[in-house]
Amino acid sequence: MKKVKYYYNTRTLRYEKLVVPLYVKILRILGFIAAALVTSVIIVSIAYRFFDSPNEKRLRQEVNEMRDRYEALEGQFDIATVQLKELQNRDDQIYRAIFAAHPIPDSVRAGRQARQAEYAFLQNFRNEELISNAAGTLHEIVHRIDIQNHSYDELDKLVRNKQQMLAALPAIQPVANRNLTRIASGFGYRIDPIYKTVKYHTGLDFAAPTGTPVYATGDGKVSYAGRDNSGYGNHVIISHGYGYETLYAHMVRIKAKIGQHVKRGEVIGWVGSTGKSTGPHCHYEVIRNGNKVDPVYFFYNDLTPEQYERMLKIASSSNQSLD
């Protein structure tokens, strides 16, 4: 039942029925709607300020995941950058220096034009695709670094072995012979000084005064130092490795000891005329894989091209050997 309201009319001095005009009802309704709208806006503003919508929660979660992935990628990129800098330093300071080559400019390594084109290309991607693309690129960089490191390790071993090999190979004359005046007899068939018959001479004879130092022509280990019945008198044999040996004969006195490691240019004895010899000299032989070869081809370290040509002519002349 609808409630009826009355009011006391002081003019008529009686209670009368309260009638609300239509415009008042309309104003009340509009006021209520306005208040509701304002209250709703306030509530929604507060809610959006302090509470996330489902879509915002999803976006916030994606952002957090992307941030974590970016941080992980950033750490891996830092590691890759350090490794690349190390490789570049080894390339510039070691390998290219060995071959006297100019270092590669940083602008070439960076490939700026390629990077700019890549950035322009990536601008069309969404965040997920950017991360995926960056991860793929990083994986390829890491793979290339790993392969390059293995390659450099192999090069390091080759360089070390090559250095050891170059130091071990016979490469200088066994006695000081700057003017090339001490070569008395070369390699090949020569007249034997005692039997006066043509015999195969297996080394080079360097005529020098008794007591002239005899030098090791390459790094190696002394495998023999003494005297036997071979006719070499006091002689030394050095094993250089890589299939090479050298022999130094007719010494007046031996300095090297069996088992001793010697360096190229180190004194191993002194010129003499012991054994089958007709005068003080150093008989020098180079043995490669058990075969005696011409030592004249192993003096490239201490001769100019002109001196080397002259030595070839002197050593090839037919004459009488000293042993």
Protein backbone atom coordinates (compact mmCIF):
# COMPACT_ATOMS: atom_id res chain seq x y z
CA MET A 1 0.00 0.00 0.00
CA LYS A 2 1.40 3.33 -1.06
CA LYS A 3 2.37 5.53 1.85
CA VAL A 4 0.59 8.94 1.85
CA LYS A 5 2.33 11.87 3.45
CA TYR A 6 0.57 14.87 5.08
CA TYR A 7 1.77 18.21 6.30
CA TYR A 8 0.23 20.86 8.62
CA ASN A 9 -0.85 23.99 6.76
CA THR A 10 -0.49 26.93 9.07
CA ARG A 11 -2.68 29.08 6.93
CA THR A 12 -5.65 26.77 6.91
CA LEU A 13 -4.76 25.31 10.31
CA ARG A 14 -5.30 21.75 9.20
CA TYR A 15 -3.45 18.72 7.84
CA GLU A 16 -3.32 18.48 4.09
CA LYS A 17 -2.03 15.82 1.67
CA LEU A 18 1.54 16.44 0.44
CA VAL A 19 1.72 16.66 -3.33
CA VAL A 20 5.27 16.77 -4.95
CA PRO A 21 5.41 18.69 -8.21
CA LEU A 22 6.62 16.92 -11.33
CA TYR A 23 9.63 19.15 -11.86
CA VAL A 24 10.82 18.41 -8.33
CA LYS A 25 10.61 14.69 -9.01
CA ILE A 26 12.57 15.18 -12.22
CA LEU A 27 15.22 17.24 -10.43
CA ARG A 28 15.52 14.62 -7.71
CA ILE A 29 15.92 11.88 -10.30
CA LEU A 30 18.56 13.87 -12.21
CA GLY A 31 20.42 14.65 -8.99
CA PHE A 32 20.43 11.00 -8.04
CA ILE A 33 21.72 10.01 -11.48
CA ALA A 34 24.43 12.69 -11.35
CA ALA A 35 25.52 11.63 -7.89
CA ALA A 36 25.59 8.01 -9.01
CA LEU A 37 27.67 8.85 -12.04
CA VAL A 38 30.14 10.91 -10.01
CA THR A 39 30.38 8.17 -7.40
CA SER A 40 30.91 5.56 -10.14
CA VAL A 41 33.67 7.62 -11.73
CA ILE A 42 35.36 8.02 -8.35
CA ILE A 43 35.07 4.32 -7.60
CA VAL A 44 36.34 3.29 -11.06
CA SER A 45 39.25 5.75 -10.80
CA ILE A 46 40.22 4.36 -7.43
CA ALA A 47 39.85 0.82 -8.71
CA TYR A 48 42.00 1.47 -11.79
CA ARG A 49 44.55 3.24 -9.65
CA PHE A 50 44.96 0.60 -6.99
CA PHE A 51 43.68 -2.58 -8.66
CA ASP A 52 44.64 -4.21 -11.99
CA SER A 53 42.11 -5.28 -14.52
CA PRO A 54 42.39 -8.80 -15.96
CA ASN A 55 43.91 -7.41 -19.12
CA GLU A 56 46.38 -5.32 -17.13
CA LYS A 57 47.32 -8.35 -15.05
CA ARG A 58 48.00 -10.29 -18.22
CA LEU A 59 50.03 -7.46 -19.72
CA ARG A 60 51.95 -6.95 -16.47
CA GLN A 61 52.80 -10.65 -16.37
CA GLU A 62 54.01 -10.53 -19.98
CA VAL A 63 56.12 -7.47 -19.22
CA ASN A 64 57.70 -9.20 -16.22
CA GLU A 65 58.43 -12.28 -18.30
CA MET A 66 59.92 -10.14 -21.06
CA ARG A 67 62.03 -8.26 -18.53
CA ASP A 68 63.38 -11.55 -17.14
CA ARG A 69 64.16 -12.80 -20.64
CA TYR A 70 65.81 -9.52 -21.58
CA GLU A 71 67.96 -9.64 -18.45
CA ALA A 72 68.99 -13.21 -19.24
CA LEU A 73 69.81 -12.24 -22.82
CA GLU A 74 71.70 -9.18 -21.63
CA GLY A 75 73.87 -11.35 -19.39
CA GLN A 76 74.60 -13.73 -22.25
CA PHE A 77 75.34 -10.83 -24.59
CA ASP A 78 77.83 -9.47 -22.04
CA ILE A 79 79.61 -12.83 -21.94
CA ALA A 80 79.60 -13.03 -25.74
CA THR A 81 80.96 -9.47 -25.97
CA VAL A 82 83.84 -10.28 -23.63
CA GLN A 83 84.67 -13.40 -25.64
CA LEU A 84 84.50 -11.49 -28.91
CA LYS A 85 86.84 -8.80 -27.56
CA GLU A 86 89.30 -11.51 -26.50
CA LEU A 87 89.15 -13.08 -29.95
CA GLN A 88 89.63 -9.69 -31.60
CA ASN A 89 92.61 -8.95 -29.36
CA ARG A 90 94.20 -12.31 -30.17
CA ASP A 91 93.55 -11.70 -33.84
CA ASP A 92 95.06 -8.19 -33.83
CA GLN A 93 97.89 -8.62 -31.33
CA ILE A 94 99.03 -12.17 -32.06
CA TYR A 95 98.07 -13.76 -35.34
CA ARG A 96 97.99 -10.68 -37.55
CA ALA A 97 101.16 -9.41 -35.84
CA ILE A 98 102.94 -12.66 -36.71
CA PHE A 99 102.24 -12.08 -40.39
CA ALA A 100 102.85 -8.30 -40.14
CA ALA A 101 99.28 -7.62 -41.25
CA HIS A 102 97.34 -4.48 -40.37
CA PRO A 103 94.71 -4.92 -37.63
CA ILE A 104 91.09 -5.01 -38.79
CA PRO A 105 89.35 -1.64 -38.08
CA ASP A 106 86.57 -1.75 -35.49
CA SER A 107 84.17 -0.22 -38.01
CA VAL A 108 84.66 -3.21 -40.27
CA ARG A 109 84.11 -5.66 -37.42
CA ALA A 110 81.00 -3.80 -36.25
CA GLY A 111 79.48 -3.74 -39.74
CA ARG A 112 77.57 -0.52 -39.08
CA GLN A 113 75.62 -0.54 -42.33
CA ALA A 114 74.56 -4.11 -41.72
CA ARG A 115 73.48 -3.21 -38.19
CA GLN A 116 71.42 -0.25 -39.37
CA ALA A 117 69.64 -2.43 -41.93
CA GLU A 118 69.02 -5.03 -39.23
CA TYR A 119 67.54 -2.45 -36.86
CA ALA A 120 65.22 -1.14 -39.59
CA PHE A 121 64.15 -4.69 -40.32
CA LEU A 122 63.45 -5.46 -36.64
CA GLN A 123 61.28 -2.39 -36.10
CA ASN A 124 58.38 -4.23 -37.74
CA PHE A 125 58.43 -7.03 -35.15
CA ARG A 126 56.40 -7.32 -31.97
CA ASN A 127 58.19 -7.73 -28.61
CA GLU A 128 57.88 -11.52 -28.54
CA GLU A 129 59.31 -11.79 -32.06
CA LEU A 130 62.13 -9.41 -31.16
CA ILE A 131 63.13 -11.56 -28.22
CA SER A 132 62.90 -14.72 -30.29
CA ASN A 133 64.98 -13.15 -33.05
CA ALA A 134 67.55 -11.86 -30.54
CA ALA A 135 67.78 -15.29 -28.91
CA GLY A 136 68.37 -16.91 -32.28
CA THR A 137 71.04 -14.36 -33.17
CA LEU A 138 72.72 -14.82 -29.81
CA HIS A 139 72.72 -18.60 -30.22
CA GLU A 140 74.41 -18.22 -33.60
CA ILE A 141 77.00 -15.80 -32.14
CA VAL A 142 77.79 -18.15 -29.28
CA HIS A 143 78.10 -21.04 -31.71
CA ARG A 144 80.44 -19.06 -33.95
CA ILE A 145 82.52 -18.03 -30.92
CA ASP A 146 82.78 -21.65 -29.82
CA ILE A 147 83.89 -22.76 -33.29
CA GLN A 148 86.33 -19.84 -33.54
CA ASN A 149 87.79 -20.66 -30.13
CA HIS A 150 88.42 -24.24 -31.20
CA SER A 151 90.02 -22.94 -34.39
CA TYR A 152 92.27 -20.57 -32.45
CA ASP A 153 93.25 -23.36 -30.04
CA GLU A 154 94.32 -25.45 -33.01
CA LEU A 155 96.22 -22.47 -34.41
CA ASP A 156 97.92 -21.98 -31.06
CA LYS A 157 99.12 -25.57 -31.12
CA LEU A 158 100.25 -25.26 -34.72
CA VAL A 159 102.11 -22.03 -33.96
CA ARG A 160 103.81 -23.53 -30.91
CA ASN A 161 104.75 -26.68 -32.83
CA LYS A 162 105.92 -24.60 -35.78
CA GLN A 163 108.05 -22.42 -33.52
CA GLN A 164 109.58 -25.49 -31.89
CA MET A 165 110.16 -27.06 -35.29
CA LEU A 166 111.78 -23.91 -36.71
CA ALA A 167 114.03 -23.66 -33.65
CA ALA A 168 114.99 -27.33 -33.94
CA LEU A 169 115.82 -27.45 -37.65
CA PRO A 170 119.52 -27.02 -38.53
CA ALA A 171 119.71 -23.47 -39.87
CA ILE A 172 123.19 -22.00 -39.25
CA GLN A 173 126.79 -22.95 -39.98
CA PRO A 174 128.55 -24.99 -37.29
CA VAL A 175 131.54 -22.58 -37.19
CA ALA A 176 131.81 -18.84 -37.63
CA ASN A 177 132.17 -18.35 -41.39
CA ARG A 178 130.91 -14.88 -42.21
CA ASN A 179 133.24 -14.46 -45.20
CA LEU A 180 132.64 -18.02 -46.46
CA THR A 181 136.38 -18.72 -46.50
CA ARG A 182 136.32 -21.85 -44.34
CA ILE A 183 134.47 -24.24 -46.63
CA ALA A 184 137.13 -26.75 -47.69
CA SER A 185 135.04 -29.51 -49.20
CA GLY A 186 131.41 -30.01 -50.13
CA PHE A 187 128.90 -32.83 -50.13
CA GLY A 188 129.08 -35.61 -52.72
CA TYR A 189 131.85 -37.52 -54.49
CA ARG A 190 135.30 -36.18 -53.56
CA ILE A 191 138.89 -37.41 -53.59
CA ASP A 192 139.77 -39.15 -50.35
CA PRO A 193 142.87 -37.41 -48.87
CA ILE A 194 144.38 -40.68 -47.61
CA TYR A 195 143.39 -43.30 -50.18
CA LYS A 196 143.40 -40.84 -53.11
CA THR A 197 140.33 -42.49 -54.58
CA VAL A 198 136.92 -41.00 -55.30
CA LYS A 199 134.63 -41.60 -52.36
CA TYR A 200 131.28 -40.25 -51.32
CA HIS A 201 131.72 -37.40 -48.87
CA THR A 202 128.67 -37.30 -46.58
CA GLY A 203 129.05 -33.79 -45.18
CA LEU A 204 130.72 -30.38 -45.40
CA ASP A 205 134.26 -29.69 -44.20
CA PHE A 206 134.90 -26.32 -42.55
CA ALA A 207 138.62 -25.63 -42.25
CA ALA A 208 139.40 -23.66 -39.07
CA PRO A 209 142.22 -23.32 -36.55
CA THR A 210 142.32 -25.78 -33.69
CA GLY A 211 140.22 -24.48 -30.81
CA THR A 212 137.66 -22.67 -32.98
CA PRO A 213 134.22 -23.02 -31.32
CA VAL A 214 131.75 -25.43 -32.86
CA TYR A 215 128.08 -24.46 -32.51
CA ALA A 216 124.89 -26.47 -32.42
CA THR A 217 122.98 -25.56 -35.56
CA GLY A 218 119.53 -26.15 -34.04
CA ASP A 219 117.80 -26.93 -30.75
CA GLY A 220 117.98 -30.56 -29.73
CA LYS A 221 119.24 -33.26 -27.40
CA VAL A 222 122.77 -34.65 -27.50
CA SER A 223 122.45 -38.33 -28.37
CA TYR A 224 126.20 -39.05 -28.63
CA ALA A 225 129.33 -37.29 -27.41
CA GLY A 226 132.61 -39.21 -27.53
CA ARG A 227 135.00 -41.12 -29.75
CA ASP A 228 134.71 -44.49 -31.48
CA ASN A 229 136.24 -46.38 -34.40
CA SER A 230 134.14 -44.68 -37.07
CA GLY A 231 136.95 -42.31 -38.11
CA TYR A 232 135.05 -39.24 -36.87
CA GLY A 233 137.34 -38.90 -33.87
CA ASN A 234 135.81 -36.83 -31.10
CA HIS A 235 132.33 -36.10 -32.38
CA VAL A 236 128.87 -35.09 -31.25
CA ILE A 237 125.48 -36.15 -32.59
CA ILE A 238 122.43 -34.01 -31.80
CA SER A 239 118.89 -35.28 -32.24
CA HIS A 240 116.64 -32.36 -33.20
CA GLY A 241 113.39 -34.22 -33.54
CA TYR A 242 111.12 -34.09 -36.59
CA GLY A 243 113.40 -36.68 -38.21
CA TYR A 244 116.58 -34.52 -38.09
CA GLU A 245 120.03 -35.22 -36.65
CA THR A 246 123.35 -33.40 -37.05
CA LEU A 247 126.91 -34.69 -36.63
CA TYR A 248 130.03 -32.65 -35.74
CA ALA A 249 133.32 -34.54 -36.13
CA HIS A 250 137.09 -34.34 -35.47
CA MET A 251 136.87 -32.07 -32.39
CA VAL A 252 139.93 -31.49 -30.27
CA ARG A 253 137.67 -31.37 -27.20
CA ILE A 254 134.00 -31.94 -26.59
CA LYS A 255 131.93 -29.74 -24.31
CA ALA A 256 128.44 -31.24 -24.76
CA LYS A 257 127.29 -34.20 -22.64
CA ILE A 258 125.06 -37.08 -23.65
CA GLY A 259 121.44 -36.28 -22.79
CA GLN A 260 122.08 -32.54 -22.64
CA HIS A 261 119.55 -30.21 -24.24
CA VAL A 262 121.27 -27.58 -26.35
CA LYS A 263 120.09 -24.44 -28.11
CA ARG A 264 120.97 -23.22 -31.58
CA GLY A 265 124.26 -21.29 -31.39
CA GLU A 266 125.39 -22.99 -28.18
CA VAL A 267 129.06 -24.14 -28.11
CA ILE A 268 129.26 -27.94 -28.07
CA GLY A 269 133.03 -28.34 -28.65
CA TRP A 270 136.13 -27.02 -30.41
CA VAL A 271 137.65 -27.70 -33.83
CA GLY A 272 140.42 -30.28 -33.95
CA SER A 273 141.90 -33.01 -36.15
CA THR A 274 141.11 -36.22 -34.29
CA GLY A 275 140.16 -39.43 -36.09
CA LYS A 276 140.57 -39.81 -39.85
CA SER A 277 141.62 -36.24 -40.61
CA THR A 278 144.43 -34.53 -42.48
CA GLY A 279 144.08 -31.15 -40.78
CA PRO A 280 142.03 -29.21 -38.25
CA HIS A 281 138.47 -28.84 -39.48
CA CYS A 282 134.84 -29.50 -38.58
CA HIS A 283 133.15 -32.24 -40.58
CA TYR A 284 129.43 -31.45 -40.45
CA GLU A 285 126.58 -33.73 -41.48
CA VAL A 286 122.79 -33.40 -41.60
CA ILE A 287 120.78 -36.62 -41.33
CA ARG A 288 117.10 -36.56 -42.25
CA ASN A 289 114.98 -39.64 -41.55
CA GLY A 290 118.16 -41.72 -41.47
CA ASN A 291 119.52 -40.38 -44.77
CA LYS A 292 122.51 -38.04 -45.00
CA VAL A 293 121.60 -34.94 -47.02
CA ASP A 294 123.57 -31.96 -48.26
CA PRO A 295 124.01 -29.53 -45.31
CA VAL A 296 124.39 -26.58 -47.68
CA TYR A 297 120.62 -26.33 -47.94
CA PHE A 298 120.28 -25.67 -44.19
CA PHE A 299 122.12 -22.37 -43.77
CA TYR A 300 119.22 -20.02 -44.51
CA ASN A 301 119.27 -18.35 -41.07
CA ASP A 302 122.67 -16.64 -41.20
CA LEU A 303 123.28 -15.99 -44.90
CA THR A 304 122.04 -13.36 -47.31
CA PRO A 305 120.77 -14.56 -50.70
CA GLU A 306 124.07 -13.43 -52.29
CA GLN A 307 126.14 -15.29 -49.69
CA TYR A 308 123.99 -18.38 -50.11
CA GLU A 309 124.52 -18.40 -53.87
CA ARG A 310 128.24 -18.05 -53.32
CA MET A 311 128.26 -20.90 -50.81
CA LEU A 312 126.45 -23.18 -53.25
CA LYS A 313 129.17 -22.54 -55.83
CA ILE A 314 132.00 -23.17 -53.35
CA ALA A 315 130.43 -26.35 -51.96
CA SER A 316 129.75 -27.76 -55.42
CA SER A 317 133.33 -27.46 -56.61
CA SER A 318 135.19 -30.78 -57.02
CA ASN A 319 138.17 -30.97 -54.71
CA GLN A 320 139.79 -33.12 -52.09
CA SER A 321 138.11 -33.57 -48.72
CA LEU A 322 139.93 -33.25 -45.38
CA ASP A 323 138.74 -36.62 -44.02
